[in-house]
């Protein structure tokens, strides 16, 4: 990640969207997985270490938010 959130936004996000759509994953499941990932990453860390990962976590939450990607009703 090299201290650069834009790498996630420009490279990882489009790849995930393409893959998840093809797999017909629900975005709500992806959001739950991001939440669990954040919890697991932060749990063994000291507060100073956890703060370092917070920007990445918040960026992932924003990218996969319901305002950006909504599950279809069908």
PDB file of N, CA and C in Angstrom:
ATOM      1  N   UNK A   1       0.822  -1.187   0.000  1.00  0.00           N
ATOM      2  CA  UNK A   1       0.000   0.000   0.000  1.00  0.00           C
ATOM      3  C   UNK A   1       0.868   1.254   0.000  1.00  0.00           C
ATOM      4  N   UNK A   2       2.068   1.151   0.487  1.00  0.00           N
ATOM      5  CA  UNK A   2       3.052   2.220   0.385  1.00  0.00           C
ATOM      6  C   UNK A   2       2.547   3.571   0.873  1.00  0.00           C
ATOM      7  N   UNK A   3       1.771   3.605   1.961  1.00  0.00           N
ATOM      8  CA  UNK A   3       1.226   4.853   2.503  1.00  0.00           C
ATOM      9  C   UNK A   3       0.429   5.649   1.484  1.00  0.00           C
ATOM     10  N   UNK A   4      -0.250   4.950   0.586  1.00  0.00           N
ATOM     11  CA  UNK A   4      -0.949   5.631  -0.497  1.00  0.00           C
ATOM     12  C   UNK A   4      -2.323   4.995  -0.702  1.00  0.00           C
ATOM     13  N   UNK A   5      -3.349   5.668  -0.221  1.00  0.00           N
ATOM     14  CA  UNK A   5      -4.715   5.148  -0.351  1.00  0.00           C
ATOM     15  C   UNK A   5      -5.165   5.153  -1.807  1.00  0.00           C
ATOM     16  N   UNK A   6      -4.629   6.046  -2.603  1.00  0.00           N
ATOM     17  CA  UNK A   6      -5.057   6.108  -4.002  1.00  0.00           C
ATOM     18  C   UNK A   6      -4.733   4.814  -4.751  1.00  0.00           C
ATOM     19  N   UNK A   7      -3.711   4.092  -4.326  1.00  0.00           N
ATOM     20  CA  UNK A   7      -3.408   2.799  -4.953  1.00  0.00           C
ATOM     21  C   UNK A   7      -4.574   1.831  -4.759  1.00  0.00           C
ATOM     22  N   UNK A   8      -5.175   1.858  -3.587  1.00  0.00           N
ATOM     23  CA  UNK A   8      -6.339   1.007  -3.311  1.00  0.00           C
ATOM     24  C   UNK A   8      -7.511   1.467  -4.173  1.00  0.00           C
ATOM     25  N   UNK A   9      -7.734   2.765  -4.208  1.00  0.00           N
ATOM     26  CA  UNK A   9      -8.880   3.308  -4.942  1.00  0.00           C
ATOM     27  C   UNK A   9      -8.755   3.097  -6.448  1.00  0.00           C
ATOM     28  N   UNK A  10      -7.574   3.232  -6.978  1.00  0.00           N
ATOM     29  CA  UNK A  10      -7.399   3.174  -8.425  1.00  0.00           C
ATOM     30  C   UNK A  10      -7.122   1.775  -8.953  1.00  0.00           C
ATOM     31  N   UNK A  11      -6.540   0.902  -8.142  1.00  0.00           N
ATOM     32  CA  UNK A  11      -6.158  -0.420  -8.632  1.00  0.00           C
ATOM     33  C   UNK A  11      -6.978  -1.550  -8.018  1.00  0.00           C
ATOM     34  N   UNK A  12      -7.097  -1.560  -6.699  1.00  0.00           N
ATOM     35  CA  UNK A  12      -7.785  -2.659  -6.032  1.00  0.00           C
ATOM     36  C   UNK A  12      -9.305  -2.574  -6.187  1.00  0.00           C
ATOM     37  N   UNK A  13      -9.862  -1.391  -6.009  1.00  0.00           N
ATOM     38  CA  UNK A  13     -11.317  -1.234  -6.055  1.00  0.00           C
ATOM     39  C   UNK A  13     -11.928  -1.676  -7.388  1.00  0.00           C
ATOM     40  N   UNK A  14     -11.433  -1.190  -8.532  1.00  0.00           N
ATOM     41  CA  UNK A  14     -12.027  -1.645  -9.800  1.00  0.00           C
ATOM     42  C   UNK A  14     -11.912  -3.157 -10.010  1.00  0.00           C
ATOM     43  N   UNK A  15     -10.807  -3.725  -9.586  1.00  0.00           N
ATOM     44  CA  UNK A  15     -10.627  -5.170  -9.702  1.00  0.00           C
ATOM     45  C   UNK A  15     -11.641  -5.914  -8.841  1.00  0.00           C
ATOM     46  N   UNK A  16     -11.838  -5.441  -7.615  1.00  0.00           N
ATOM     47  CA  UNK A  16     -12.820  -6.070  -6.723  1.00  0.00           C
ATOM     48  C   UNK A  16     -14.225  -5.971  -7.294  1.00  0.00           C
ATOM     49  N   UNK A  17     -14.586  -4.800  -7.790  1.00  0.00           N
ATOM     50  CA  UNK A  17     -15.930  -4.623  -8.347  1.00  0.00           C
ATOM     51  C   UNK A  17     -16.142  -5.585  -9.511  1.00  0.00           C
ATOM     52  N   UNK A  18     -15.179  -5.658 -10.399  1.00  0.00           N
ATOM     53  CA  UNK A  18     -15.292  -6.551 -11.547  1.00  0.00           C
ATOM     54  C   UNK A  18     -15.435  -8.012 -11.096  1.00  0.00           C
ATOM     55  N   UNK A  19     -14.620  -8.420 -10.156  1.00  0.00           N
ATOM     56  CA  UNK A  19     -14.637  -9.799  -9.673  1.00  0.00           C
ATOM     57  C   UNK A  19     -15.921 -10.100  -8.903  1.00  0.00           C
ATOM     58  N   UNK A  20     -16.302  -9.211  -7.990  1.00  0.00           N
ATOM     59  CA  UNK A  20     -17.480  -9.457  -7.165  1.00  0.00           C
ATOM     60  C   UNK A  20     -18.756  -9.474  -7.992  1.00  0.00           C
ATOM     61  N   UNK A  21     -18.844  -8.632  -9.018  1.00  0.00           N
ATOM     62  CA  UNK A  21     -20.018  -8.662  -9.889  1.00  0.00           C
ATOM     63  C   UNK A  21     -20.108  -9.990 -10.629  1.00  0.00           C
ATOM     64  N   UNK A  22     -18.978 -10.454 -11.104  1.00  0.00           N
ATOM     65  CA  UNK A  22     -18.947 -11.726 -11.836  1.00  0.00           C
ATOM     66  C   UNK A  22     -19.337 -12.896 -10.927  1.00  0.00           C
ATOM     67  N   UNK A  23     -18.944 -12.809  -9.649  1.00  0.00           N
ATOM     68  CA  UNK A  23     -19.276 -13.859  -8.679  1.00  0.00           C
ATOM     69  C   UNK A  23     -20.669 -13.678  -8.077  1.00  0.00           C
ATOM     70  N   UNK A  24     -21.330 -12.573  -8.457  1.00  0.00           N
ATOM     71  CA  UNK A  24     -22.676 -12.252  -7.963  1.00  0.00           C
ATOM     72  C   UNK A  24     -22.720 -12.134  -6.447  1.00  0.00           C
ATOM     73  N   UNK A  25     -21.673 -11.538  -5.891  1.00  0.00           N
ATOM     74  CA  UNK A  25     -21.627 -11.304  -4.447  1.00  0.00           C
ATOM     75  C   UNK A  25     -22.500 -10.104  -4.117  1.00  0.00           C
ATOM     76  N   UNK A  26     -23.139 -10.168  -2.990  1.00  0.00           N
ATOM     77  CA  UNK A  26     -23.927  -9.029  -2.516  1.00  0.00           C
ATOM     78  C   UNK A  26     -22.985  -8.045  -1.846  1.00  0.00           C
ATOM     79  N   UNK A  27     -23.214  -6.768  -2.103  1.00  0.00           N
ATOM     80  CA  UNK A  27     -22.346  -5.732  -1.532  1.00  0.00           C
ATOM     81  C   UNK A  27     -22.451  -5.703  -0.020  1.00  0.00           C
ATOM     82  N   UNK A  28     -23.593  -6.049   0.525  1.00  0.00           N
ATOM     83  CA  UNK A  28     -23.731  -6.084   1.984  1.00  0.00           C
ATOM     84  C   UNK A  28     -22.772  -7.112   2.589  1.00  0.00           C
ATOM     85  N   UNK A  29     -22.605  -8.242   1.936  1.00  0.00           N
ATOM     86  CA  UNK A  29     -21.649  -9.241   2.406  1.00  0.00           C
ATOM     87  C   UNK A  29     -20.227  -8.676   2.369  1.00  0.00           C
ATOM     88  N   UNK A  30     -19.898  -7.965   1.306  1.00  0.00           N
ATOM     89  CA  UNK A  30     -18.574  -7.345   1.196  1.00  0.00           C
ATOM     90  C   UNK A  30     -18.373  -6.349   2.332  1.00  0.00           C
ATOM     91  N   UNK A  31     -19.399  -5.550   2.629  1.00  0.00           N
ATOM     92  CA  UNK A  31     -19.290  -4.578   3.728  1.00  0.00           C
ATOM     93  C   UNK A  31     -19.094  -5.277   5.071  1.00  0.00           C
ATOM     94  N   UNK A  32     -19.776  -6.385   5.276  1.00  0.00           N
ATOM     95  CA  UNK A  32     -19.600  -7.144   6.516  1.00  0.00           C
ATOM     96  C   UNK A  32     -18.182  -7.713   6.609  1.00  0.00           C
ATOM     97  N   UNK A  33     -17.667  -8.194   5.496  1.00  0.00           N
ATOM     98  CA  UNK A  33     -16.308  -8.726   5.477  1.00  0.00           C
ATOM     99  C   UNK A  33     -15.278  -7.638   5.749  1.00  0.00           C
ATOM    100  N   UNK A  34     -15.494  -6.439   5.226  1.00  0.00           N
ATOM    101  CA  UNK A  34     -14.588  -5.319   5.501  1.00  0.00           C
ATOM    102  C   UNK A  34     -14.617  -4.978   6.991  1.00  0.00           C
ATOM    103  N   UNK A  35     -15.807  -4.981   7.569  1.00  0.00           N
ATOM    104  CA  UNK A  35     -15.934  -4.715   9.004  1.00  0.00           C
ATOM    105  C   UNK A  35     -15.153  -5.761   9.816  1.00  0.00           C
ATOM    106  N   UNK A  36     -15.341  -7.028   9.489  1.00  0.00           N
ATOM    107  CA  UNK A  36     -14.642  -8.095  10.203  1.00  0.00           C
ATOM    108  C   UNK A  36     -13.127  -8.009  10.004  1.00  0.00           C
ATOM    109  N   UNK A  37     -12.710  -7.673   8.803  1.00  0.00           N
ATOM    110  CA  UNK A  37     -11.284  -7.511   8.529  1.00  0.00           C
ATOM    111  C   UNK A  37     -10.699  -6.402   9.394  1.00  0.00           C
ATOM    112  N   UNK A  38     -11.401  -5.277   9.470  1.00  0.00           N
ATOM    113  CA  UNK A  38     -10.938  -4.171  10.305  1.00  0.00           C
ATOM    114  C   UNK A  38     -10.835  -4.564  11.763  1.00  0.00           C
ATOM    115  N   UNK A  39     -11.813  -5.306  12.255  1.00  0.00           N
ATOM    116  CA  UNK A  39     -11.801  -5.762  13.644  1.00  0.00           C
ATOM    117  C   UNK A  39     -10.625  -6.690  13.901  1.00  0.00           C
ATOM    118  N   UNK A  40     -10.400  -7.630  13.012  1.00  0.00           N
ATOM    119  CA  UNK A  40      -9.302  -8.587  13.178  1.00  0.00           C
ATOM    120  C   UNK A  40      -7.931  -7.935  13.074  1.00  0.00           C
ATOM    121  N   UNK A  41      -7.804  -6.962  12.201  1.00  0.00           N
ATOM    122  CA  UNK A  41      -6.518  -6.286  12.041  1.00  0.00           C
ATOM    123  C   UNK A  41      -6.204  -5.436  13.263  1.00  0.00           C
ATOM    124  N   UNK A  42      -7.208  -4.741  13.790  1.00  0.00           N
ATOM    125  CA  UNK A  42      -6.973  -3.832  14.917  1.00  0.00           C
ATOM    126  C   UNK A  42      -6.864  -4.541  16.260  1.00  0.00           C
ATOM    127  N   UNK A  43      -7.471  -5.697  16.416  1.00  0.00           N
ATOM    128  CA  UNK A  43      -7.547  -6.319  17.743  1.00  0.00           C
ATOM    129  C   UNK A  43      -6.192  -6.596  18.391  1.00  0.00           C
ATOM    130  N   UNK A  44      -5.178  -7.079  17.676  1.00  0.00           N
ATOM    131  CA  UNK A  44      -3.910  -7.344  18.364  1.00  0.00           C
ATOM    132  C   UNK A  44      -2.971  -6.137  18.420  1.00  0.00           C
ATOM    133  N   UNK A  45      -3.383  -5.012  17.874  1.00  0.00           N
ATOM    134  CA  UNK A  45      -2.485  -3.865  17.756  1.00  0.00           C
ATOM    135  C   UNK A  45      -2.600  -2.899  18.926  1.00  0.00           C
ATOM    136  N   UNK A  46      -1.517  -2.210  19.178  1.00  0.00           N
ATOM    137  CA  UNK A  46      -1.531  -1.101  20.120  1.00  0.00           C
ATOM    138  C   UNK A  46      -2.283   0.051  19.456  1.00  0.00           C
ATOM    139  N   UNK A  47      -2.847   0.974  20.233  1.00  0.00           N
ATOM    140  CA  UNK A  47      -3.606   2.081  19.645  1.00  0.00           C
ATOM    141  C   UNK A  47      -2.838   2.873  18.579  1.00  0.00           C
ATOM    142  N   UNK A  48      -1.562   3.096  18.785  1.00  0.00           N
ATOM    143  CA  UNK A  48      -0.769   3.843  17.805  1.00  0.00           C
ATOM    144  C   UNK A  48      -0.670   3.072  16.491  1.00  0.00           C
ATOM    145  N   UNK A  49      -0.514   1.763  16.592  1.00  0.00           N
ATOM    146  CA  UNK A  49      -0.437   0.926  15.396  1.00  0.00           C
ATOM    147  C   UNK A  49      -1.786   0.860  14.690  1.00  0.00           C
ATOM    148  N   UNK A  50      -2.850   0.738  15.458  1.00  0.00           N
ATOM    149  CA  UNK A  50      -4.196   0.661  14.891  1.00  0.00           C
ATOM    150  C   UNK A  50      -4.539   1.958  14.168  1.00  0.00           C
ATOM    151  N   UNK A  51      -4.096   3.082  14.684  1.00  0.00           N
ATOM    152  CA  UNK A  51      -4.368   4.370  14.049  1.00  0.00           C
ATOM    153  C   UNK A  51      -3.764   4.423  12.645  1.00  0.00           C
ATOM    154  N   UNK A  52      -2.647   3.766  12.454  1.00  0.00           N
ATOM    155  CA  UNK A  52      -1.988   3.741  11.148  1.00  0.00           C
ATOM    156  C   UNK A  52      -2.878   3.082  10.085  1.00  0.00           C
ATOM    157  N   UNK A  53      -3.599   2.036  10.466  1.00  0.00           N
ATOM    158  CA  UNK A  53      -4.437   1.317   9.508  1.00  0.00           C
ATOM    159  C   UNK A  53      -5.820   1.941   9.339  1.00  0.00           C
ATOM    160  N   UNK A  54      -6.173   2.892  10.185  1.00  0.00           N
ATOM    161  CA  UNK A  54      -7.517   3.465  10.175  1.00  0.00           C
ATOM    162  C   UNK A  54      -7.871   4.133   8.841  1.00  0.00           C
ATOM    163  N   UNK A  55      -6.954   4.863   8.259  1.00  0.00           N
ATOM    164  CA  UNK A  55      -7.246   5.544   6.986  1.00  0.00           C
ATOM    165  C   UNK A  55      -7.564   4.537   5.883  1.00  0.00           C
ATOM    166  N   UNK A  56      -6.850   3.428   5.851  1.00  0.00           N
ATOM    167  CA  UNK A  56      -7.114   2.394   4.848  1.00  0.00           C
ATOM    168  C   UNK A  56      -8.479   1.758   5.080  1.00  0.00           C
ATOM    169  N   UNK A  57      -8.782   1.467   6.333  1.00  0.00           N
ATOM    170  CA  UNK A  57     -10.056   0.865   6.691  1.00  0.00           C
ATOM    171  C   UNK A  57     -11.214   1.796   6.309  1.00  0.00           C
ATOM    172  N   UNK A  58     -11.102   3.065   6.673  1.00  0.00           N
ATOM    173  CA  UNK A  58     -12.158   4.025   6.352  1.00  0.00           C
ATOM    174  C   UNK A  58     -12.318   4.191   4.839  1.00  0.00           C
ATOM    175  N   UNK A  59     -11.222   4.133   4.128  1.00  0.00           N
ATOM    176  CA  UNK A  59     -11.280   4.233   2.671  1.00  0.00           C
ATOM    177  C   UNK A  59     -12.032   3.046   2.079  1.00  0.00           C
ATOM    178  N   UNK A  60     -11.753   1.849   2.569  1.00  0.00           N
ATOM    179  CA  UNK A  60     -12.477   0.664   2.092  1.00  0.00           C
ATOM    180  C   UNK A  60     -13.964   0.769   2.414  1.00  0.00           C
ATOM    181  N   UNK A  61     -14.271   1.219   3.627  1.00  0.00           N
ATOM    182  CA  UNK A  61     -15.674   1.381   3.997  1.00  0.00           C
ATOM    183  C   UNK A  61     -16.375   2.359   3.060  1.00  0.00           C
ATOM    184  N   UNK A  62     -15.721   3.458   2.751  1.00  0.00           N
ATOM    185  CA  UNK A  62     -16.328   4.468   1.874  1.00  0.00           C
ATOM    186  C   UNK A  62     -16.506   3.941   0.457  1.00  0.00           C
ATOM    187  N   UNK A  63     -15.507   3.229  -0.050  1.00  0.00           N
ATOM    188  CA  UNK A  63     -15.593   2.731  -1.426  1.00  0.00           C
ATOM    189  C   UNK A  63     -16.726   1.734  -1.612  1.00  0.00           C
ATOM    190  N   UNK A  64     -16.969   0.898  -0.616  1.00  0.00           N
ATOM    191  CA  UNK A  64     -17.994  -0.139  -0.716  1.00  0.00           C
ATOM    192  C   UNK A  64     -19.282   0.239   0.014  1.00  0.00           C
ATOM    193  N   UNK A  65     -19.450   1.515   0.325  1.00  0.00           N
ATOM    194  CA  UNK A  65     -20.633   1.966   1.057  1.00  0.00           C
ATOM    195  C   UNK A  65     -21.889   1.816   0.191  1.00  0.00           C
ATOM    196  N   UNK A  66     -23.055   1.781   0.830  1.00  0.00           N
ATOM    197  CA  UNK A  66     -24.305   1.690   0.067  1.00  0.00           C
ATOM    198  C   UNK A  66     -24.513   2.882  -0.865  1.00  0.00           C
ATOM    199  N   UNK A  67     -23.922   4.027  -0.543  1.00  0.00           N
ATOM    200  CA  UNK A  67     -24.056   5.194  -1.409  1.00  0.00           C
ATOM    201  C   UNK A  67     -23.291   5.005  -2.716  1.00  0.00           C
ATOM    202  N   UNK A  68     -22.245   4.183  -2.685  1.00  0.00           N
ATOM    203  CA  UNK A  68     -21.443   3.936  -3.884  1.00  0.00           C
ATOM    204  C   UNK A  68     -21.926   2.675  -4.601  1.00  0.00           C
ATOM    205  N   UNK A  69     -22.141   1.625  -3.843  1.00  0.00           N
ATOM    206  CA  UNK A  69     -22.547   0.342  -4.437  1.00  0.00           C
ATOM    207  C   UNK A  69     -23.772  -0.186  -3.685  1.00  0.00           C
ATOM    208  N   UNK A  70     -24.886  -0.216  -4.353  1.00  0.00           N
ATOM    209  CA  UNK A  70     -26.116  -0.712  -3.732  1.00  0.00           C
ATOM    210  C   UNK A  70     -26.432  -2.099  -4.288  1.00  0.00           C
ATOM    211  N   UNK A  71     -26.930  -2.959  -3.404  1.00  0.00           N
ATOM    212  CA  UNK A  71     -27.402  -4.275  -3.839  1.00  0.00           C
ATOM    213  C   UNK A  71     -28.680  -4.094  -4.634  1.00  0.00           C
ATOM    214  N   UNK A  72     -28.811  -4.861  -5.704  1.00  0.00           N
ATOM    215  CA  UNK A  72     -30.045  -4.795  -6.486  1.00  0.00           C
ATOM    216  C   UNK A  72     -31.155  -5.495  -5.720  1.00  0.00           C
ATOM    217  N   UNK A  73     -32.361  -5.113  -5.993  1.00  0.00           N
ATOM    218  CA  UNK A  73     -33.531  -5.674  -5.298  1.00  0.00           C
ATOM    219  C   UNK A  73     -34.011  -6.971  -5.947  1.00  0.00           C
ATOM    220  N   UNK A  74     -33.438  -7.380  -7.063  1.00  0.00           N
ATOM    221  CA  UNK A  74     -33.915  -8.594  -7.743  1.00  0.00           C
ATOM    222  C   UNK A  74     -33.317  -9.835  -7.180  1.00  0.00           C
TER     223      UNK A  74
END
